[in-house]
C-alpha atoms as a PDB file:
ATOM      1  CA  MET A   1     -19.963 -21.885 -21.091  1.00  0.00           C
ATOM      2  CA  GLN A   2     -23.035 -19.771 -20.311  1.00  0.00           C
ATOM      3  CA  ASN A   3     -20.897 -16.650 -19.729  1.00  0.00           C
ATOM      4  CA  SER A   4     -19.110 -17.164 -23.048  1.00  0.00           C
ATOM      5  CA  LEU A   5     -22.406 -17.402 -24.922  1.00  0.00           C
ATOM      6  CA  ASN A   6     -23.709 -14.266 -23.159  1.00  0.00           C
ATOM      7  CA  ALA A   7     -20.540 -12.357 -24.089  1.00  0.00           C
ATOM      8  CA  ILE A   8     -20.782 -13.456 -27.731  1.00  0.00           C
ATOM      9  CA  GLY A   9     -24.474 -12.516 -27.837  1.00  0.00           C
ATOM     10  CA  CYS A  10     -23.778  -9.079 -26.336  1.00  0.00           C
ATOM     11  CA  PHE A  11     -20.977  -8.544 -28.857  1.00  0.00           C
ATOM     12  CA  ILE A  12     -23.229  -9.433 -31.797  1.00  0.00           C
ATOM     13  CA  VAL A  13     -26.041  -7.206 -30.502  1.00  0.00           C
ATOM     14  CA  SER A  14     -23.560  -4.318 -29.985  1.00  0.00           C
ATOM     15  CA  ILE A  15     -22.135  -4.636 -33.502  1.00  0.00           C
ATOM     16  CA  THR A  16     -25.661  -4.805 -34.934  1.00  0.00           C
ATOM     17  CA  ALA A  17     -26.660  -1.678 -32.980  1.00  0.00           C
ATOM     18  CA  ILE A  18     -23.585   0.225 -34.183  1.00  0.00           C
ATOM     19  CA  VAL A  19     -24.183  -0.786 -37.817  1.00  0.00           C
ATOM     20  CA  GLY A  20     -27.861   0.148 -37.431  1.00  0.00           C
ATOM     21  CA  CYS A  21     -26.918   3.594 -36.067  1.00  0.00           C
ATOM     22  CA  PHE A  22     -24.606   4.199 -39.025  1.00  0.00           C
ATOM     23  CA  LEU A  23     -27.327   3.104 -41.450  1.00  0.00           C
ATOM     24  CA  MET A  24     -29.832   5.430 -39.780  1.00  0.00           C
ATOM     25  CA  LEU A  25     -27.322   8.284 -39.960  1.00  0.00           C
ATOM     26  CA  GLY A  26     -26.734   7.530 -43.627  1.00  0.00           C
ATOM     27  CA  LEU A  27     -30.459   7.494 -44.373  1.00  0.00           C
ATOM     28  CA  PHE A  28     -30.895  10.715 -42.409  1.00  0.00           C
ATOM     29  CA  ILE A  29     -28.109  12.451 -44.351  1.00  0.00           C
ATOM     30  CA  SER A  30     -29.217  11.183 -47.771  1.00  0.00           C
ATOM     31  CA  GLY A  31     -32.844  12.059 -47.010  1.00  0.00           C
ATOM     32  CA  GLY A  32     -31.763  15.433 -45.666  1.00  0.00           C
ATOM     33  CA  VAL A  33     -29.744  16.122 -48.801  1.00  0.00           C
ATOM     34  CA  TRP A  34     -32.754  15.197 -50.931  1.00  0.00           C
ATOM     35  CA  VAL A  35     -35.032  17.546 -48.936  1.00  0.00           C
ATOM     36  CA  ILE A  36     -32.451  20.342 -48.988  1.00  0.00           C
ATOM     37  CA  ASP A  37     -32.036  19.906 -52.744  1.00  0.00           C
ATOM     38  CA  LYS A  38     -35.791  20.424 -53.169  1.00  0.00           C
ATOM     39  CA  VAL A  39     -36.035  23.364 -50.727  1.00  0.00           C
ATOM     40  CA  LEU A  40     -32.827  25.153 -51.763  1.00  0.00           C
ATOM     41  CA  PRO A  41     -34.357  27.124 -54.686  1.00  0.00           C
ATOM     42  CA  ALA A  42     -36.950  28.652 -52.338  1.00  0.00           C
ATOM     43  CA  LEU A  43     -34.197  29.457 -49.802  1.00  0.00           C
ATOM     44  CA  ILE A  44     -32.179  31.196 -52.506  1.00  0.00           C
ATOM     45  CA  VAL A  45     -35.164  33.354 -53.490  1.00  0.00           C
ATOM     46  CA  PHE A  46     -35.787  34.168 -49.826  1.00  0.00           C
ATOM     47  CA  SER A  47     -32.109  35.054 -49.387  1.00  0.00           C
ATOM     48  CA  MET A  48     -32.428  37.578 -52.213  1.00  0.00           C
ATOM     49  CA  VAL A  49     -35.401  39.143 -50.416  1.00  0.00           C
ATOM     50  CA  VAL A  50     -33.377  39.275 -47.174  1.00  0.00           C
ATOM     51  CA  PHE A  51     -30.424  40.806 -49.040  1.00  0.00           C
ATOM     52  CA  LEU A  52     -32.629  43.486 -50.593  1.00  0.00           C
ATOM     53  CA  PHE A  53     -34.131  44.163 -47.150  1.00  0.00           C
ATOM     54  CA  ASN A  54     -30.628  44.601 -45.768  1.00  0.00           C
ATOM     55  CA  ILE A  55     -29.616  47.002 -48.522  1.00  0.00           C
ATOM     56  CA  PHE A  56     -32.751  49.126 -48.866  1.00  0.00           C
ATOM     57  CA  VAL A  57     -34.119  49.085 -45.302  1.00  0.00           C
ATOM     58  CA  CYS A  58     -31.345  48.281 -42.827  1.00  0.00           C
ATOM     59  CA  VAL A  59     -28.596  50.428 -44.345  1.00  0.00           C
ATOM     60  CA  PRO A  60     -30.669  53.652 -44.277  1.00  0.00           C
ATOM     61  CA  LEU A  61     -31.975  52.845 -40.779  1.00  0.00           C
ATOM     62  CA  ALA A  62     -28.407  52.433 -39.544  1.00  0.00           C
ATOM     63  CA  PHE A  63     -27.827  56.195 -39.861  1.00  0.00           C
ATOM     64  CA  PHE A  64     -30.479  57.146 -37.292  1.00  0.00           C
ATOM     65  CA  ARG A  65     -29.888  56.697 -33.583  1.00  0.00           C
ATOM     66  CA  ARG A  66     -33.413  55.485 -32.798  1.00  0.00           C
ATOM     67  CA  THR A  67     -33.393  52.749 -35.454  1.00  0.00           C
ATOM     68  CA  LYS A  68     -29.752  51.735 -35.178  1.00  0.00           C
ATOM     69  CA  GLU A  69     -30.549  48.878 -32.796  1.00  0.00           C
ATOM     70  CA  PHE A  70     -33.147  47.396 -35.163  1.00  0.00           C
ATOM     71  CA  SER A  71     -30.744  47.659 -38.062  1.00  0.00           C
ATOM     72  CA  GLY A  72     -27.941  46.007 -36.102  1.00  0.00           C
ATOM     73  CA  LYS A  73     -30.156  43.132 -34.989  1.00  0.00           C
ATOM     74  CA  ALA A  74     -31.488  42.646 -38.512  1.00  0.00           C
ATOM     75  CA  PHE A  75     -27.962  42.532 -39.960  1.00  0.00           C
ATOM     76  CA  PHE A  76     -26.809  40.141 -37.241  1.00  0.00           C
ATOM     77  CA  LEU A  77     -29.768  37.759 -37.674  1.00  0.00           C
ATOM     78  CA  SER A  78     -29.537  37.823 -41.449  1.00  0.00           C
ATOM     79  CA  SER A  79     -25.894  36.742 -41.201  1.00  0.00           C
ATOM     80  CA  TYR A  80     -27.085  33.544 -39.504  1.00  0.00           C
ATOM     81  CA  PHE A  81     -29.613  32.974 -42.284  1.00  0.00           C
ATOM     82  CA  TYR A  82     -26.850  33.403 -44.877  1.00  0.00           C
ATOM     83  CA  GLY A  83     -24.675  30.998 -42.885  1.00  0.00           C
ATOM     84  CA  VAL A  84     -27.361  28.306 -42.886  1.00  0.00           C
ATOM     85  CA  LEU A  85     -27.907  28.852 -46.608  1.00  0.00           C
ATOM     86  CA  LEU A  86     -24.169  28.529 -47.253  1.00  0.00           C
ATOM     87  CA  TRP A  87     -23.828  25.347 -45.209  1.00  0.00           C
ATOM     88  CA  LEU A  88     -26.875  23.665 -46.757  1.00  0.00           C
ATOM     89  CA  SER A  89     -25.874  24.539 -50.316  1.00  0.00           C
ATOM     90  CA  CYS A  90     -22.320  23.314 -49.669  1.00  0.00           C
ATOM     91  CA  LEU A  91     -23.750  20.075 -48.267  1.00  0.00           C
ATOM     92  CA  VAL A  92     -25.685  19.472 -51.484  1.00  0.00           C
ATOM     93  CA  ILE A  93     -22.707  20.440 -53.658  1.00  0.00           C
ATOM     94  CA  THR A  94     -20.362  18.152 -51.742  1.00  0.00           C
ATOM     95  CA  PHE A  95     -22.822  15.250 -51.878  1.00  0.00           C
ATOM     96  CA  LYS A  96     -23.379  15.642 -55.616  1.00  0.00           C
ATOM     97  CA  LEU A  97     -19.687  15.958 -56.480  1.00  0.00           C
ATOM     98  CA  TRP A  98     -17.933  13.668 -53.989  1.00  0.00           C
ATOM     99  CA  GLY A  99     -20.759  11.655 -52.455  1.00  0.00           C
ATOM    100  CA  TRP A 100     -20.466  10.083 -49.034  1.00  0.00           C
ATOM    101  CA  VAL A 101     -16.690  10.470 -48.857  1.00  0.00           C
ATOM    102  CA  GLY A 102     -16.924  14.259 -49.010  1.00  0.00           C
ATOM    103  CA  ILE A 103     -19.793  14.367 -46.521  1.00  0.00           C
ATOM    104  CA  VAL A 104     -17.955  12.153 -44.012  1.00  0.00           C
ATOM    105  CA  ILE A 105     -14.747  14.188 -44.326  1.00  0.00           C
ATOM    106  CA  GLY A 106     -16.669  17.449 -43.954  1.00  0.00           C
ATOM    107  CA  LEU A 107     -18.613  16.241 -40.937  1.00  0.00           C
ATOM    108  CA  LEU A 108     -15.457  14.895 -39.297  1.00  0.00           C
ATOM    109  CA  LEU A 109     -14.061  18.424 -39.519  1.00  0.00           C
ATOM    110  CA  LEU A 110     -16.632  19.503 -36.894  1.00  0.00           C
ATOM    111  CA  GLY A 111     -19.369  20.049 -39.466  1.00  0.00           C
ATOM    112  CA  ILE A 112     -17.903  23.331 -40.643  1.00  0.00           C
ATOM    113  CA  GLY A 113     -15.621  21.365 -42.967  1.00  0.00           C
ATOM    114  CA  ILE A 114     -18.475  20.969 -45.434  1.00  0.00           C
ATOM    115  CA  VAL A 115     -17.776  24.478 -46.786  1.00  0.00           C
ATOM    116  CA  PRO A 116     -14.037  23.992 -47.521  1.00  0.00           C
ATOM    117  CA  ILE A 117     -14.726  20.519 -48.915  1.00  0.00           C
ATOM    118  CA  ALA A 118     -17.333  22.021 -51.264  1.00  0.00           C
ATOM    119  CA  ILE A 119     -14.829  24.674 -52.367  1.00  0.00           C
ATOM    120  CA  VAL A 120     -12.163  22.039 -53.054  1.00  0.00           C
ATOM    121  CA  ALA A 121     -14.658  19.796 -54.879  1.00  0.00           C
ATOM    122  CA  THR A 122     -15.876  22.623 -57.115  1.00  0.00           C
ATOM    123  CA  VAL A 123     -12.317  23.777 -57.865  1.00  0.00           C
ATOM    124  CA  ILE A 124     -11.316  20.240 -58.859  1.00  0.00           C
ATOM    125  CA  ALA A 125     -14.481  19.941 -60.977  1.00  0.00           C
ATOM    126  CA  GLY A 126     -13.736  23.319 -62.594  1.00  0.00           C
ATOM    127  CA  MET A 127     -17.010  24.918 -61.507  1.00  0.00           C
ATOM    128  CA  TRP A 128     -15.621  28.403 -61.042  1.00  0.00           C
ATOM    129  CA  SER A 129     -18.968  30.186 -60.901  1.00  0.00           C
ATOM    130  CA  ILE A 130     -20.021  28.058 -57.930  1.00  0.00           C
ATOM    131  CA  VAL A 131     -16.691  28.760 -56.221  1.00  0.00           C
ATOM    132  CA  LEU A 132     -17.321  32.473 -56.760  1.00  0.00           C
ATOM    133  CA  HIS A 133     -20.850  32.164 -55.316  1.00  0.00           C
ATOM    134  CA  ILE A 134     -19.535  30.394 -52.205  1.00  0.00           C
ATOM    135  CA  ILE A 135     -16.824  33.015 -51.665  1.00  0.00           C
ATOM    136  CA  VAL A 136     -19.280  35.889 -52.193  1.00  0.00           C
ATOM    137  CA  LEU A 137     -21.670  34.320 -49.688  1.00  0.00           C
ATOM    138  CA  ILE A 138     -18.825  33.985 -47.166  1.00  0.00           C
ATOM    139  CA  VAL A 139     -18.016  37.678 -47.634  1.00  0.00           C
ATOM    140  CA  VAL A 140     -21.701  38.632 -47.248  1.00  0.00           C
ATOM    141  CA  ILE A 141     -21.886  36.618 -44.018  1.00  0.00           C
ATOM    142  CA  TRP A 142     -18.790  38.339 -42.680  1.00  0.00           C
ATOM    143  CA  LEU A 143     -19.994  41.826 -43.688  1.00  0.00           C
ATOM    144  CA  THR A 144     -23.468  41.460 -42.217  1.00  0.00           C
ATOM    145  CA  ARG A 145     -22.154  39.947 -38.974  1.00  0.00           C
ATOM    146  CA  THR A 146     -19.520  42.689 -38.640  1.00  0.00           C
ATOM    147  CA  ALA A 147     -21.996  45.463 -39.441  1.00  0.00           C
ATOM    148  CA  GLY A 148     -24.565  44.089 -37.018  1.00  0.00           C
ATOM    149  CA  THR A 149     -22.016  43.736 -34.246  1.00  0.00           C
ATOM    150  CA  ALA A 150     -20.620  47.230 -34.819  1.00  0.00           C
ATOM    151  CA  LEU A 151     -24.067  48.808 -34.866  1.00  0.00           C
ATOM    152  CA  LEU A 152     -25.170  47.006 -31.724  1.00  0.00           C
ATOM    153  CA  LYS A 153     -21.940  47.861 -29.935  1.00  0.00           C
ATOM    154  CA  GLU A 154     -22.342  51.518 -30.857  1.00  0.00           C
ATOM    155  CA  CYS A 155     -25.996  51.456 -29.843  1.00  0.00           C
ATOM    156  CA  TYR A 156     -25.358  49.906 -26.446  1.00  0.00           C
ATOM    157  CA  THR A 157     -22.277  51.997 -25.610  1.00  0.00           C
ATOM    158  CA  PHE A 158     -23.679  55.346 -26.784  1.00  0.00           C
ATOM    159  CA  GLY A 159     -23.081  57.887 -24.026  1.00  0.00           C
ATOM    160  CA  LYS A 160     -21.414  55.334 -21.784  1.00  0.00           C
ATOM    161  CA  PRO A 161     -17.733  54.906 -21.125  1.00  0.00           C
ATOM    162  CA  GLU A 162     -16.090  52.281 -23.311  1.00  0.00           C
ATOM    163  CA  THR A 163     -13.884  50.872 -20.576  1.00  0.00           C
ATOM    164  CA  PHE A 164     -14.100  50.694 -16.833  1.00  0.00           C
ATOM    165  CA  ASP A 165     -11.057  52.007 -15.031  1.00  0.00           C
ATOM    166  CA  THR A 166     -10.402  50.111 -11.859  1.00  0.00           C
ATOM    167  CA  PRO A 167      -8.806  52.070  -9.048  1.00  0.00           C
ATOM    168  CA  GLU A 168      -5.374  51.009  -8.020  1.00  0.00           C
ATOM    169  CA  TYR A 169      -4.957  49.767  -4.495  1.00  0.00           C
ATOM    170  CA  SER A 170      -1.821  49.784  -2.471  1.00  0.00           C
ATOM    171  CA  ASN A 171      -0.783  47.139  -0.045  1.00  0.00           C
ATOM    172  CA  SER A 172       0.208  49.558   2.681  1.00  0.00           C
ATOM    173  CA  ASP A 173      -0.950  49.259   6.292  1.00  0.00           C
ATOM    174  CA  GLU A 174      -3.010  52.447   5.938  1.00  0.00           C
ATOM    175  CA  ASP A 175      -5.602  50.619   3.845  1.00  0.00           C
ATOM    176  CA  VAL A 176      -6.183  47.895   6.425  1.00  0.00           C
ATOM    177  CA  ILE A 177      -9.147  48.348   8.769  1.00  0.00           C
ATOM    178  CA  ASP A 178      -8.665  47.235  12.339  1.00  0.00           C
ATOM    179  CA  VAL A 179     -11.641  44.996  13.022  1.00  0.00           C
ATOM    180  CA  LYS A 180     -11.351  45.333  16.794  1.00  0.00           C
ATOM    181  CA  SER A 181     -11.715  49.105  16.652  1.00  0.00           C
ATOM    182  CA  VAL A 182     -15.044  49.021  14.786  1.00  0.00           C
ATOM    183  CA  ASN A 183     -18.064  49.372  17.052  1.00  0.00           C
ATOM    184  CA  VAL A 184     -20.923  47.092  16.135  1.00  0.00           C
ATOM    185  CA  LYS A 185     -24.306  47.534  17.790  1.00  0.00           C
ATOM    186  CA  GLU A 186     -26.014  44.323  18.692  1.00  0.00           C
ATOM    187  CA  ASP A 187     -29.803  44.160  18.918  1.00  0.00           C
END
């Protein structure tokens, strides 16, 4: 009888803990969406500053050998900033259009599913300008990441061979060293 009561008590405590974890996750997501919704306008303004920096500073610096590394790193890091901006804005869009269902589906798709879910939600809602903004931001992320990678690859391989040619070895007996014939001096 005592074991049965302990098992029932453990089951009730486990279910309560699981429900509590889901409630905490829900509060965290809804609070996070509220904070992101308030901070997103400032992030958009900052992204414009970063974009202008990329265009007017990094592009000209990419043509000079001494500043190519800085330009490549700046492009590469700015692509991560654009990626965070894209994901956060898609999180807010998905939450406002589809609510918890869209968020859960997007997060179940390894977190990256928030972006396609936001695209689908805005297409269904007929918000074509937002769809265009999401697609343009995806293209900007891809361009800055590709440019940064190409510049850094060129910077780090300048004057060095691109590939390493390994010598070919044969399996003939001529290549084998006879260990017994080698004289080793012992101290």
